[in-house]
Protein backbone atom coordinates (compact mmCIF):
# COMPACT_ATOMS: atom_id res chain seq x y z
CA UNK A 1 -16.05 -22.68 3.10
CA UNK A 2 -12.46 -21.15 4.14
CA UNK A 3 -11.25 -17.79 3.67
CA UNK A 4 -7.60 -16.64 3.88
CA UNK A 5 -6.03 -13.21 3.39
CA UNK A 6 -2.57 -14.00 1.80
CA UNK A 7 0.21 -12.17 3.27
CA UNK A 8 2.24 -9.96 1.00
CA UNK A 9 5.09 -11.96 0.68
CA UNK A 10 3.85 -15.22 -0.66
CA UNK A 11 4.10 -15.53 -4.84
CA UNK A 12 2.98 -13.06 -6.54
CA UNK A 13 1.14 -12.98 -10.09
CA UNK A 14 1.89 -9.19 -10.87
CA UNK A 15 1.38 -5.74 -9.40
CA UNK A 16 -1.00 -3.28 -10.00
CA UNK A 17 -0.12 0.75 -10.72
CA UNK A 18 -1.92 3.71 -11.91
CA UNK A 19 0.27 5.78 -14.07
CA UNK A 20 -0.03 9.92 -13.10
CA UNK A 21 -2.04 11.99 -15.28
CA UNK A 22 -2.59 15.62 -16.84
CA UNK A 23 -6.61 14.95 -15.23
CA UNK A 24 -5.50 14.37 -11.46
CA UNK A 25 -3.41 16.84 -9.02
CA UNK A 26 -0.07 15.63 -10.06
CA UNK A 27 -0.42 17.56 -13.09
CA UNK A 28 1.77 20.68 -12.29
CA UNK A 29 4.18 17.60 -11.04
CA UNK A 30 4.35 15.26 -13.99
CA UNK A 31 8.11 15.82 -14.69
CA UNK A 32 9.38 15.45 -11.59
CA UNK A 33 6.99 11.97 -10.78
CA UNK A 34 6.93 10.30 -13.72
CA UNK A 35 10.69 9.08 -13.32
CA UNK A 36 9.62 7.21 -10.05
CA UNK A 37 7.03 5.27 -12.12
CA UNK A 38 9.53 4.40 -14.87
CA UNK A 39 11.66 3.16 -11.93
CA UNK A 40 9.32 1.24 -10.18
CA UNK A 41 8.30 -0.56 -13.50
CA UNK A 42 12.09 -1.27 -14.28
CA UNK A 43 12.30 -2.59 -11.33
CA UNK A 44 9.28 -5.02 -10.37
CA UNK A 45 9.47 -6.38 -13.96
CA UNK A 46 12.90 -7.94 -13.08
CA UNK A 47 10.92 -10.32 -10.98
CA UNK A 48 7.07 -10.37 -12.09
CA UNK A 49 4.73 -8.73 -14.67
CA UNK A 50 3.11 -5.03 -13.91
CA UNK A 51 -0.63 -3.83 -15.14
CA UNK A 52 -0.10 -0.16 -15.67
CA UNK A 53 -3.64 1.68 -15.92
CA UNK A 54 -3.69 4.81 -18.05
CA UNK A 55 -6.23 7.56 -18.94
CA UNK A 56 -7.04 6.87 -22.74
CA UNK A 57 -4.83 5.43 -25.82
CA UNK A 58 -2.88 8.54 -26.06
CA UNK A 59 -1.58 8.31 -22.28
CA UNK A 60 -0.63 4.61 -22.88
CA UNK A 61 1.63 5.90 -25.94
CA UNK A 62 3.17 8.47 -24.12
CA UNK A 63 3.82 5.57 -20.87
CA UNK A 64 5.17 3.40 -23.63
CA UNK A 65 7.57 5.88 -24.90
CA UNK A 66 9.11 6.51 -21.43
CA UNK A 67 9.25 2.89 -20.61
CA UNK A 68 11.20 2.10 -24.24
CA UNK A 69 13.63 4.13 -23.14
CA UNK A 70 14.55 2.26 -19.83
CA UNK A 71 15.58 -1.02 -19.04
CA UNK A 72 12.19 -2.37 -18.03
CA UNK A 73 11.31 -6.01 -19.16
CA UNK A 74 8.65 -4.65 -21.81
CA UNK A 75 7.21 -7.92 -22.32
CA UNK A 76 6.15 -8.17 -18.58
CA UNK A 77 4.29 -5.07 -18.94
CA UNK A 78 0.45 -5.38 -19.14
CA UNK A 79 -1.63 -2.05 -19.99
CA UNK A 80 -5.47 -1.22 -19.36
CA UNK A 81 -7.37 2.19 -20.46
CA UNK A 82 -8.95 2.74 -17.34
CA UNK A 83 -9.85 6.56 -16.09
CA UNK A 84 -8.73 7.51 -12.50
CA UNK A 85 -8.97 10.23 -10.45
CA UNK A 86 -5.80 9.25 -8.96
CA UNK A 87 -2.87 7.11 -8.48
CA UNK A 88 -2.65 5.40 -5.05
CA UNK A 89 -4.22 2.18 -6.44
CA UNK A 90 -3.30 0.53 -3.17
CA UNK A 91 -6.64 2.07 -1.83
CA UNK A 92 -9.19 1.50 -4.77
CA UNK A 93 -7.44 -1.71 -6.19
CA UNK A 94 -9.27 -5.04 -5.66
CA UNK A 95 -8.04 -6.89 -2.37
CA UNK A 96 -7.39 -10.62 -2.77
CA UNK A 97 -8.37 -13.12 -0.63
CA UNK A 98 -8.22 -17.37 -1.23
CA UNK A 99 -11.79 -18.93 -0.76
CA UNK A 100 -11.10 -22.68 -0.42
CA UNK A 101 -8.01 -22.20 -2.01
CA UNK A 102 -8.61 -20.25 -5.38
CA UNK A 103 -8.53 -16.41 -5.30
CA UNK A 104 -11.51 -14.17 -4.71
CA UNK A 105 -11.43 -10.44 -5.40
CA UNK A 106 -13.10 -8.39 -3.18
CA UNK A 107 -13.99 -4.73 -4.75
CA UNK A 108 -14.72 -2.22 -1.61
CA UNK A 109 -15.78 1.05 -1.68
CA UNK A 110 -13.45 3.61 -1.82
CA UNK A 111 -14.26 7.52 -0.94
CA UNK A 112 -11.26 8.60 -0.95
CA UNK A 113 -10.74 8.67 2.93
CA UNK A 114 -13.83 9.99 4.16
CA UNK A 115 -14.67 12.14 0.81
CA UNK A 116 -11.47 14.34 0.85
CA UNK A 117 -11.24 14.45 -2.87
CA UNK A 118 -12.96 13.19 -5.90
CA UNK A 119 -12.95 9.48 -6.45
CA UNK A 120 -16.00 8.55 -8.86
CA UNK A 121 -13.45 7.04 -11.09
CA UNK A 122 -11.16 5.61 -8.25
CA UNK A 123 -14.33 3.61 -7.08
CA UNK A 124 -15.04 1.83 -10.56
CA UNK A 125 -11.34 0.80 -11.32
CA UNK A 126 -11.78 -2.68 -10.05
CA UNK A 127 -15.00 -3.73 -11.76
CA UNK A 128 -13.45 -1.85 -15.07
CA UNK A 129 -10.25 -4.08 -14.70
CA UNK A 130 -12.46 -7.08 -14.49
CA UNK A 131 -14.39 -6.44 -17.53
CA UNK A 132 -11.57 -5.68 -19.33
CA UNK A 133 -10.21 -9.31 -19.38
CA UNK A 134 -7.37 -8.83 -16.73
CA UNK A 135 -8.33 -11.45 -14.36
CA UNK A 136 -10.04 -14.17 -16.75
CA UNK A 137 -12.72 -15.61 -15.12
CA UNK A 138 -11.78 -15.15 -11.43
CA UNK A 139 -14.85 -13.96 -9.50
CA UNK A 140 -14.76 -10.55 -8.12
CA UNK A 141 -17.58 -9.30 -5.46
CA UNK A 142 -19.01 -6.11 -4.53
CA UNK A 143 -18.74 -5.56 -0.82
CA UNK A 144 -20.81 -2.34 0.85
CA UNK A 145 -18.11 -1.67 2.90
CA UNK A 146 -15.78 1.33 2.98
CA UNK A 147 -12.11 -0.11 3.03
CA UNK A 148 -8.90 0.43 1.61
CA UNK A 149 -5.93 -1.57 1.15
CA UNK A 150 -3.44 0.50 2.87
CA UNK A 151 -5.47 0.26 6.18
CA UNK A 152 -5.05 -3.33 6.80
CA UNK A 153 -1.88 -5.62 6.85
CA UNK A 154 -1.81 -9.34 7.23
CA UNK A 155 0.31 -12.23 8.62
CA UNK A 156 -1.22 -14.61 6.23
CA UNK A 157 -1.96 -16.84 9.07
CA UNK A 158 -5.30 -15.21 10.28
CA UNK A 159 -3.59 -11.92 11.81
CA UNK A 160 -4.93 -8.34 10.93
CA UNK A 161 -3.03 -5.31 12.17
CA UNK A 162 -4.99 -1.90 11.66
CA UNK A 163 -5.66 1.44 13.29
CA UNK A 164 -8.57 2.84 14.85
CA UNK A 165 -8.28 6.16 13.44
CA UNK A 166 -8.98 4.66 10.11
CA UNK A 167 -11.50 1.99 10.19
CA UNK A 168 -13.53 3.94 12.68
CA UNK A 169 -13.74 6.62 10.97
CA UNK A 170 -17.08 8.83 10.55
CA UNK A 171 -16.96 9.55 7.39
CA UNK A 172 -16.14 5.42 6.13
CA UNK A 173 -18.52 3.47 7.72
CA UNK A 174 -20.31 5.61 10.38
CA UNK A 175 -22.94 2.60 11.47
CA UNK A 176 -20.23 0.25 12.44
CA UNK A 177 -18.45 0.49 15.81
CA UNK A 178 -15.19 -1.54 16.11
CA UNK A 179 -17.26 -4.67 17.17
CA UNK A 180 -18.89 -4.40 13.82
CA UNK A 181 -16.15 -3.81 11.90
CA UNK A 182 -14.16 -6.51 13.54
CA UNK A 183 -17.20 -9.05 12.26
CA UNK A 184 -17.37 -7.88 8.91
CA UNK A 185 -13.53 -8.14 8.16
CA UNK A 186 -13.94 -11.81 9.74
CA UNK A 187 -16.32 -12.85 7.50
CA UNK A 188 -14.69 -11.13 4.37
CA UNK A 189 -10.92 -11.85 5.10
CA UNK A 190 -10.92 -14.75 7.13
CA UNK A 191 -9.20 -13.00 9.83
CA UNK A 192 -9.25 -14.39 13.39
CA UNK A 193 -7.37 -11.78 15.43
CA UNK A 194 -7.35 -8.28 14.94
CA UNK A 195 -4.78 -5.76 16.13
CA UNK A 196 -5.69 -2.52 16.42
CA UNK A 197 -3.31 0.76 17.16
CA UNK A 198 -4.90 3.80 18.74
CA UNK A 199 -1.92 5.80 18.21
CA UNK A 200 0.16 6.56 15.28
CA UNK A 201 -0.36 9.69 13.06
CA UNK A 202 2.18 11.44 10.99
CA UNK A 203 1.73 15.13 9.28
CA UNK A 204 0.91 15.41 6.06
CA UNK A 205 -0.93 12.24 5.85
CA UNK A 206 -4.46 12.39 4.40
CA UNK A 207 -5.42 8.49 5.22
CA UNK A 208 -6.29 9.22 9.26
CA UNK A 209 -3.33 6.64 9.53
CA UNK A 210 -3.02 4.30 7.54
CA UNK A 211 -1.38 1.37 9.15
CA UNK A 212 1.27 0.66 5.70
CA UNK A 213 3.10 4.01 6.83
CA UNK A 214 3.24 3.26 10.70
CA UNK A 215 3.74 -0.69 10.90
CA UNK A 216 4.12 -3.53 8.67
CA UNK A 217 4.64 -7.23 8.72
CA UNK A 218 8.00 -8.77 7.84
CA UNK A 219 6.88 -12.44 9.16
CA UNK A 220 4.22 -13.86 11.25
CA UNK A 221 6.46 -13.05 14.29
CA UNK A 222 8.29 -9.60 13.19
CA UNK A 223 6.64 -5.99 12.87
CA UNK A 224 8.81 -3.46 11.64
CA UNK A 225 7.58 0.09 12.50
CA UNK A 226 7.88 3.73 12.21
CA UNK A 227 9.97 5.31 15.18
CA UNK A 228 10.61 8.75 16.12
CA UNK A 229 13.72 9.12 18.12
CA UNK A 230 13.75 13.14 18.21
CA UNK A 231 12.28 14.39 21.47
CA UNK A 232 11.94 18.02 19.71
CA UNK A 233 10.00 16.61 16.77
CA UNK A 234 6.08 17.08 17.08
CA UNK A 235 5.52 13.47 16.53
CA UNK A 236 7.58 12.14 19.00
CA UNK A 237 4.71 11.42 21.83
CA UNK A 238 2.31 9.93 19.58
CA UNK A 239 4.66 7.52 18.05
CA UNK A 240 6.37 6.54 21.15
CA UNK A 241 3.04 5.90 22.80
CA UNK A 242 2.31 3.73 19.10
CA UNK A 243 5.38 1.74 20.24
CA UNK A 244 4.14 0.92 23.45
CA UNK A 245 1.03 -0.26 22.24
CA UNK A 246 3.31 -2.61 19.59
CA UNK A 247 4.99 -4.09 22.60
CA UNK A 248 1.65 -5.20 24.24
CA UNK A 249 0.55 -6.84 21.26
CA UNK A 250 0.76 -10.75 20.74
CA UNK A 251 0.47 -13.33 18.20
CA UNK A 252 -2.17 -15.92 18.10
CA UNK A 253 -0.12 -18.10 19.70
CA UNK A 254 0.20 -15.75 22.61
CA UNK A 255 3.73 -14.56 22.19
CA UNK A 256 5.22 -11.28 22.07
CA UNK A 257 6.19 -9.93 18.24
CA UNK A 258 10.06 -9.26 17.64
CA UNK A 259 9.73 -5.20 16.74
CA UNK A 260 11.95 -3.55 14.64
CA UNK A 261 12.21 0.22 14.79
CA UNK A 262 12.50 2.17 11.47
CA UNK A 263 15.07 5.13 11.23
CA UNK A 264 13.24 8.80 11.27
CA UNK A 265 14.45 10.77 8.32
CA UNK A 266 14.31 14.82 8.35
CA UNK A 267 11.17 16.37 7.95
CA UNK A 268 10.59 17.13 4.45
CA UNK A 269 8.00 19.93 3.34
CA UNK A 270 6.62 21.15 0.06
CA UNK A 271 7.08 24.47 -1.48
CA UNK A 272 4.39 25.89 0.79
CA UNK A 273 5.84 24.66 3.77
CA UNK A 274 3.43 21.95 4.42
CA UNK A 275 5.00 19.02 6.09
CA UNK A 276 5.01 15.67 4.28
CA UNK A 277 4.79 12.09 5.23
CA UNK A 278 8.20 10.40 4.36
CA UNK A 279 8.18 7.04 5.98
CA UNK A 280 10.14 3.93 5.24
CA UNK A 281 7.48 1.64 6.49
CA UNK A 282 5.75 2.17 2.95
CA UNK A 283 7.70 -0.66 1.11
CA UNK A 284 6.21 -2.93 -1.41
CA UNK A 285 7.39 -6.80 -1.30
CA UNK A 286 7.40 -8.59 -4.31
CA UNK A 287 8.37 -12.00 -5.58
CA UNK A 288 11.88 -12.10 -4.35
CA UNK A 289 12.90 -8.73 -3.51
CA UNK A 290 11.54 -5.59 -1.47
CA UNK A 291 11.23 -2.04 -3.02
CA UNK A 292 12.04 0.52 -0.21
CA UNK A 293 11.16 4.41 -0.62
CA UNK A 294 13.93 6.71 0.08
CA UNK A 295 13.90 10.35 0.57
CA UNK A 296 17.23 11.32 -0.46
CA UNK A 297 18.10 11.52 3.04
CA UNK A 298 21.19 10.69 5.68
CA UNK A 299 18.77 7.74 7.09
CA UNK A 300 18.37 6.02 3.75
CA UNK A 301 21.40 3.79 4.12
CA UNK A 302 20.02 2.87 7.69
CA UNK A 303 16.57 2.04 6.67
CA UNK A 304 17.77 -0.16 3.65
CA UNK A 305 19.77 -2.28 6.14
CA UNK A 306 17.40 -2.59 8.47
CA UNK A 307 14.67 -3.97 5.86
CA UNK A 308 17.40 -5.92 4.71
CA UNK A 309 17.98 -7.51 7.57
CA UNK A 310 14.19 -8.22 8.40
CA UNK A 311 14.02 -9.88 4.64
CA UNK A 312 16.56 -12.54 4.33
CA UNK A 313 17.31 -13.84 0.78
CA UNK A 314 15.24 -10.98 -0.76
CA UNK A 315 16.76 -8.29 -2.76
CA UNK A 316 16.57 -4.57 -1.15
CA UNK A 317 16.16 -2.02 -4.06
CA UNK A 318 15.90 1.71 -3.03
CA UNK A 319 13.32 3.72 -5.09
CA UNK A 320 13.38 7.33 -4.70
CA UNK A 321 10.08 8.40 -3.32
CA UNK A 322 10.83 11.68 -2.87
CA UNK A 323 8.43 13.39 -5.71
CA UNK A 324 5.48 10.79 -4.46
CA UNK A 325 5.24 12.21 -0.54
CA UNK A 326 4.31 15.52 -2.15
CA UNK A 327 0.74 13.90 -3.17
CA UNK A 328 -0.14 12.18 0.23
CA UNK A 329 1.76 8.70 -0.32
CA UNK A 330 4.48 6.77 -1.07
CA UNK A 331 5.82 3.67 -3.24
CA UNK A 332 3.47 1.07 -1.19
CA UNK A 333 0.37 3.56 -1.79
CA UNK A 334 0.85 3.57 -5.31
CA UNK A 335 0.70 0.14 -5.97
CA UNK A 336 -1.44 -3.19 -5.32
CA UNK A 337 0.13 -6.78 -5.22
CA UNK A 338 -2.18 -9.49 -6.77
CA UNK A 339 -1.18 -13.18 -5.59
CA UNK A 340 -0.41 -15.86 -7.78
CA UNK A 341 -2.86 -17.09 -10.13
CA UNK A 342 -4.73 -13.82 -10.43
CA UNK A 343 -3.49 -12.53 -13.61
CA UNK A 344 -4.31 -14.78 -16.43
């Protein structure tokens, strides 16, 4: 039996996203955030289908009315009425591995980043999607391990990049130490080479340092990462320690990685003065394109050029994600790609 965790840049059959709704913390911000979701759907459907989770039929009609007034390819949109607590489907959606060359969906436990918020509905989303027939006869296995999709990053060749602050959190899997987590992930995801970052934190982040806000594979040899070049910023020391850690990492072939620093946007704050986690690392790779979060910031253009150089041949598409970070996430957090042959 062989198990492989595919990289995000491999062929996809679609993207999952959960539409914001009035039963979530998005309620007072819906007017600001829904246009972001319309734009996400518009851009994703240029290249592949998108599955939208909605609260109920009335919510579905509302979403359809918004999307119908855009240039989205409505024939590539699939709706599923699956109630959720929040929108961050990256962390509660199923994770796909290839078992003997065929897709297998893994439904991990989601406890809202260590019981920070309500999570009862989110934790059922994967099984409810399976029951809806979305995945046809593709098997889904329930896994007795707390794990969020945003906390792991793979090169598709057996290497996993993650953070110790998240995966070793006592509020996730308190009975497992680093060796125990390593054994579980190796067996479940088929990874043989796990790279741990011990530094890297961002103000406004509720995830305990998910890797997808810090460092991402662009190829098996290249990692882009969040870099702070402002000595006066509170993030400067910690993110430079993370940079040193990245410089020490080796590929499975014992080579150093090609490291690409991402620009540092100006500090963003909410109305109460709380700093928000704006990071360009939270991009989404889809078929033939990369959707990149931008924040109405002078650094946006440089971030787009940096990511474009890492993905030759792909269309680079900016998505205004300034509204998203008001609830602690960004573009990658709001989506979950489905590899080829998953959607039926």
